[in-house]
Amino acid sequence: MFEQDRFIVRLQQKVAREAGIIACFLAGSFGRRTEDAFSDLDVALVFDSKAGRDAAWEQRETFVREILPYVPAKSFDAAHVRPYLHIALYSNGAKVDYRFENRAELMPNPFDRELRILKDPMGWAETYQAQCAQTFLPPQRISSAEIKALDHRFWVMFWDVYRLLLRGDTDKPFTIYLELLHFTLPALLRLLPPEDPAYQGLLAAYFTRDAPATRQQMKTLLVAYLAARSAVIRRTNVHYMPDSGFERSVRGLVERHG
């Protein structure tokens, strides 16, 4: 649907002409061969030296536009994700994450266990992939201090949203609700496998202009949060003792108000 095949052909032609690129491969869903018409592309461009990578990085915007020169595109750096990552949004629908890599700094990692190699004249990428296949993801961790901070933030924002909904206000609490989800859900979802019922419970969150309906949803979110927090504590074996008396009282209050 988003012409990924056309992009891959043009990318392969482009990197074949770039002597400084010693290897190019696709990771992610394209590396695993599990992509669909809506998948983005994770492209690694590997250079032989830091100087070569840095020189190519200076021309990154030109590079990404030359692959599909007749397709308007917007691209930008994503240093908040990792260094030397440049994201391109092509107006035909394709989203491409370009990793500019220095061969000496690119260590084997489990995310590159399965690759679709587009350029590899020296066989480096094939060896690298074999090394990645021997690596494993470290277990996810959270400290007691981190879960304590997350828990405190949840209760403050939950109560701010809920008391405003009791007033019938759905405008003011909306931004607080967004902050609540942003601060708490990603941290919990990162630590839980998708098949865990507690994981699935967190995905049911929503907010509407109907205050009574949203109050009911907040009750559901509270139950889901407590279940996910318990699952995380159990899975990570972190030492954290919730204030059960306070939490029972709040849940009772929420039940009474509906």
Protein backbone atom coordinates (compact mmCIF):
# COMPACT_ATOMS: atom_id res chain seq x y z
CA MET A 1 0.00 0.00 0.00
CA PHE A 2 2.78 2.44 0.87
CA GLU A 3 5.13 1.31 -1.95
CA GLN A 4 7.74 -0.20 0.33
CA ASP A 5 8.97 -2.49 -2.46
CA ARG A 6 9.63 0.49 -4.70
CA PHE A 7 11.48 2.21 -1.89
CA ILE A 8 13.65 -0.87 -1.21
CA VAL A 9 14.62 -1.14 -4.89
CA ARG A 10 15.57 2.53 -5.02
CA LEU A 11 17.45 2.27 -1.69
CA GLN A 12 19.42 -0.72 -2.93
CA GLN A 13 20.34 1.14 -6.11
CA LYS A 14 21.38 4.20 -4.10
CA VAL A 15 23.60 2.39 -1.60
CA ALA A 16 25.22 0.37 -4.38
CA ARG A 17 26.56 3.66 -5.78
CA GLU A 18 27.78 4.91 -2.38
CA ALA A 19 31.33 3.62 -1.92
CA GLY A 20 31.42 4.83 1.69
CA ILE A 21 28.57 2.51 2.70
CA ILE A 22 30.14 -0.89 3.34
CA ALA A 23 26.86 -2.56 4.29
CA CYS A 24 23.16 -1.84 4.29
CA PHE A 25 20.41 -3.93 5.81
CA LEU A 26 16.80 -3.80 6.94
CA ALA A 27 15.97 -4.76 10.51
CA GLY A 28 12.62 -4.85 12.32
CA SER A 29 9.63 -6.43 10.60
CA PHE A 30 11.33 -6.36 7.19
CA GLY A 31 14.32 -8.17 8.64
CA ARG A 32 12.00 -10.79 10.14
CA ARG A 33 9.92 -10.98 6.93
CA THR A 34 6.79 -10.20 8.93
CA GLU A 35 6.05 -6.80 7.37
CA ASP A 36 2.70 -5.77 5.99
CA ALA A 37 1.44 -2.88 3.88
CA PHE A 38 1.58 -0.53 6.88
CA SER A 39 5.03 -1.42 8.27
CA ASP A 40 7.74 1.18 8.59
CA LEU A 41 11.29 0.43 7.48
CA ASP A 42 14.33 0.25 9.75
CA VAL A 43 17.36 0.92 7.54
CA ALA A 44 20.95 0.58 8.76
CA LEU A 45 23.69 2.30 6.77
CA VAL A 46 27.08 1.02 7.94
CA PHE A 47 30.28 2.96 7.34
CA ASP A 48 33.87 1.83 7.73
CA SER A 49 34.91 4.60 10.11
CA LYS A 50 33.58 7.27 12.41
CA ALA A 51 34.83 9.93 10.00
CA GLY A 52 32.95 8.31 7.12
CA ARG A 53 29.77 8.02 9.15
CA ASP A 54 30.01 11.63 10.35
CA ALA A 55 30.58 12.92 6.82
CA ALA A 56 27.53 11.02 5.56
CA TRP A 57 25.49 12.26 8.51
CA GLU A 58 26.12 15.84 7.41
CA GLN A 59 24.37 15.01 4.12
CA ARG A 60 21.56 12.93 5.65
CA GLU A 61 18.64 15.07 4.43
CA THR A 62 19.95 15.07 0.88
CA PHE A 63 20.52 11.32 1.01
CA VAL A 64 16.98 10.43 2.06
CA ARG A 65 15.42 12.69 -0.59
CA GLU A 66 17.58 11.29 -3.38
CA ILE A 67 16.15 7.81 -2.86
CA LEU A 68 12.65 8.92 -3.92
CA PRO A 69 13.39 12.26 -5.59
CA TYR A 70 9.87 12.83 -6.93
CA VAL A 71 8.10 12.05 -3.65
CA PRO A 72 7.83 15.02 -1.23
CA ALA A 73 9.32 14.09 2.13
CA LYS A 74 9.89 15.50 5.57
CA SER A 75 12.82 14.25 7.64
CA PHE A 76 14.26 15.03 11.04
CA ASP A 77 16.74 13.79 13.63
CA ALA A 78 15.56 11.55 16.47
CA ALA A 79 18.31 12.01 19.05
CA HIS A 80 15.74 11.38 21.78
CA VAL A 81 15.64 7.76 20.56
CA ARG A 82 19.33 7.19 19.78
CA PRO A 83 22.28 9.06 18.27
CA TYR A 84 22.61 9.21 14.49
CA LEU A 85 19.00 8.27 13.83
CA HIS A 86 17.22 10.18 11.09
CA ILE A 87 13.52 9.63 10.37
CA ALA A 88 11.97 10.29 6.98
CA LEU A 89 8.27 10.56 6.24
CA TYR A 90 7.60 10.15 2.52
CA SER A 91 4.30 11.50 1.23
CA ASN A 92 3.49 8.17 -0.45
CA GLY A 93 2.96 6.83 3.08
CA ALA A 94 6.34 5.26 3.78
CA LYS A 95 8.07 5.93 7.11
CA VAL A 96 11.78 5.11 7.23
CA ASP A 97 14.15 5.13 10.19
CA TYR A 98 17.73 5.57 8.97
CA ARG A 99 20.47 4.40 11.32
CA PHE A 100 23.88 5.84 10.43
CA GLU A 101 26.33 3.32 11.92
CA ASN A 102 30.09 3.16 12.38
CA ARG A 103 31.20 -0.46 11.98
CA ALA A 104 33.62 -0.26 14.92
CA GLU A 105 30.89 1.00 17.28
CA LEU A 106 28.05 -1.28 16.18
CA MET A 107 27.98 -4.08 18.71
CA PRO A 108 25.94 -7.30 18.22
CA ASN A 109 22.50 -6.94 19.76
CA PRO A 110 19.29 -9.01 19.80
CA PHE A 111 17.35 -6.45 17.77
CA ASP A 112 19.48 -7.31 14.70
CA ARG A 113 19.09 -11.08 15.00
CA GLU A 114 17.15 -11.21 11.73
CA LEU A 115 18.13 -8.96 8.83
CA ARG A 116 17.39 -8.42 5.18
CA ILE A 117 20.78 -7.56 3.73
CA LEU A 118 20.77 -5.16 0.77
CA LYS A 119 24.50 -4.54 0.42
CA ASP A 120 27.37 -6.58 1.85
CA PRO A 121 30.32 -6.95 -0.57
CA MET A 122 32.75 -7.96 2.20
CA GLY A 123 30.41 -10.30 4.06
CA TRP A 124 30.52 -8.13 7.18
CA ALA A 125 26.75 -7.89 7.60
CA GLU A 126 26.33 -11.65 7.35
CA THR A 127 28.91 -12.17 10.10
CA TYR A 128 27.33 -9.43 12.19
CA GLN A 129 23.90 -11.04 11.88
CA ALA A 130 25.30 -14.39 13.03
CA GLN A 131 26.82 -12.69 16.08
CA CYS A 132 23.53 -10.95 16.84
CA ALA A 133 21.76 -14.32 16.76
CA GLN A 134 23.84 -15.33 19.78
CA THR A 135 22.72 -12.35 21.89
CA PHE A 136 19.66 -12.08 24.09
CA LEU A 137 17.60 -9.27 25.54
CA PRO A 138 18.48 -8.52 29.17
CA PRO A 139 15.56 -8.84 31.59
CA GLN A 140 13.55 -5.66 32.02
CA ARG A 141 14.04 -3.99 35.39
CA ILE A 142 12.49 -1.22 37.46
CA SER A 143 13.85 0.04 40.76
CA SER A 144 11.80 0.49 43.92
CA ALA A 145 12.46 4.24 43.69
CA GLU A 146 11.15 4.32 40.10
CA ILE A 147 7.97 2.43 40.87
CA LYS A 148 7.41 4.57 43.95
CA ALA A 149 7.68 7.74 41.85
CA LEU A 150 5.38 6.25 39.21
CA ASP A 151 2.84 5.25 41.86
CA HIS A 152 2.81 8.66 43.53
CA ARG A 153 2.39 10.42 40.19
CA PHE A 154 -0.46 8.09 39.23
CA TRP A 155 -2.47 8.78 42.37
CA VAL A 156 -2.07 12.56 42.17
CA MET A 157 -3.12 12.74 38.51
CA PHE A 158 -5.85 10.13 38.87
CA TRP A 159 -7.45 12.09 41.68
CA ASP A 160 -7.11 15.40 39.84
CA VAL A 161 -8.94 13.94 36.85
CA TYR A 162 -11.60 12.13 38.85
CA ARG A 163 -12.62 15.02 41.11
CA LEU A 164 -13.01 17.32 38.08
CA LEU A 165 -15.15 14.71 36.36
CA LEU A 166 -17.33 14.59 39.47
CA ARG A 167 -17.87 18.31 38.94
CA GLY A 168 -18.97 17.55 35.39
CA ASP A 169 -15.89 19.17 33.82
CA THR A 170 -14.40 17.24 30.89
CA ASP A 171 -12.28 20.09 29.49
CA LYS A 172 -9.79 20.86 32.25
CA PRO A 173 -8.99 17.24 33.20
CA PHE A 174 -8.26 16.14 29.63
CA THR A 175 -4.66 17.35 29.59
CA ILE A 176 -4.08 15.86 33.03
CA TYR A 177 -5.50 12.57 31.76
CA LEU A 178 -3.06 12.61 28.84
CA GLU A 179 -0.16 13.22 31.23
CA LEU A 180 -1.41 10.39 33.43
CA LEU A 181 -1.36 7.94 30.54
CA HIS A 182 1.96 9.21 29.21
CA PHE A 183 3.72 8.96 32.55
CA THR A 184 2.38 5.62 33.77
CA LEU A 185 1.30 3.36 30.93
CA PRO A 186 4.50 3.17 28.83
CA ALA A 187 6.58 2.24 31.89
CA LEU A 188 4.20 -0.58 32.81
CA LEU A 189 3.64 -1.81 29.26
CA ARG A 190 7.41 -1.99 28.70
CA LEU A 191 7.72 -4.42 31.60
CA LEU A 192 4.79 -6.70 30.76
CA PRO A 193 4.44 -9.19 27.90
CA PRO A 194 1.49 -8.48 25.57
CA GLU A 195 -0.15 -11.79 26.47
CA ASP A 196 -0.39 -10.80 30.15
CA PRO A 197 -4.02 -9.90 31.02
CA ALA A 198 -2.71 -6.92 32.98
CA TYR A 199 -1.08 -5.61 29.80
CA GLN A 200 -4.32 -5.89 27.85
CA GLY A 201 -6.26 -4.11 30.60
CA LEU A 202 -4.17 -0.98 30.20
CA LEU A 203 -5.05 -0.73 26.52
CA ALA A 204 -8.73 -0.05 27.25
CA ALA A 205 -8.17 3.54 28.42
CA TYR A 206 -10.26 6.24 26.76
CA PHE A 207 -11.69 9.70 27.46
CA THR A 208 -14.94 11.26 26.21
CA ARG A 209 -16.94 14.48 26.68
CA ASP A 210 -19.49 12.45 28.66
CA ALA A 211 -18.42 12.96 32.29
CA PRO A 212 -20.37 10.01 33.83
CA ALA A 213 -19.12 7.62 31.13
CA THR A 214 -15.53 8.80 31.61
CA ARG A 215 -15.85 8.36 35.39
CA GLN A 216 -16.76 4.74 34.73
CA GLN A 217 -13.74 4.43 32.49
CA MET A 218 -11.55 5.89 35.24
CA LYS A 219 -12.77 3.13 37.55
CA THR A 220 -11.73 0.60 34.92
CA LEU A 221 -8.37 2.32 34.51
CA LEU A 222 -7.78 2.25 38.26
CA VAL A 223 -8.41 -1.50 38.41
CA ALA A 224 -6.17 -2.04 35.37
CA TYR A 225 -3.38 0.09 36.84
CA LEU A 226 -3.40 -1.78 40.14
CA ALA A 227 -3.35 -5.14 38.35
CA ALA A 228 -0.48 -4.04 36.09
CA ARG A 229 1.50 -2.62 39.01
CA SER A 230 1.10 -5.89 40.91
CA ALA A 231 2.14 -7.88 37.85
CA VAL A 232 5.24 -5.71 37.39
CA ILE A 233 6.22 -6.04 41.06
CA ARG A 234 5.82 -9.80 40.79
CA ARG A 235 7.67 -10.19 37.49
CA THR A 236 10.60 -7.92 38.36
CA ASN A 237 10.80 -9.02 41.99
CA VAL A 238 11.12 -5.39 43.09
CA HIS A 239 10.55 -4.50 46.72
CA TYR A 240 7.64 -2.09 46.95
CA MET A 241 4.81 -2.11 49.47
CA PRO A 242 1.72 -0.14 48.36
CA ASP A 243 -0.36 1.74 50.92
CA SER A 244 -3.21 -0.76 50.89
CA GLY A 245 -5.36 1.14 53.41
CA PHE A 246 -5.31 4.32 51.34
CA GLU A 247 -5.97 2.42 48.12
CA ARG A 248 -8.96 0.54 49.54
CA SER A 249 -10.46 3.82 50.72
CA VAL A 250 -10.02 5.49 47.34
CA ARG A 251 -11.49 2.52 45.50
CA GLY A 252 -14.46 2.59 47.88
CA LEU A 253 -14.92 6.31 47.27
CA VAL A 254 -14.82 5.80 43.53
CA GLU A 255 -17.36 2.99 43.76
CA ARG A 256 -19.75 5.10 45.79
CA HIS A 257 -19.62 8.02 43.38
CA GLY A 258 -19.91 5.88 40.26
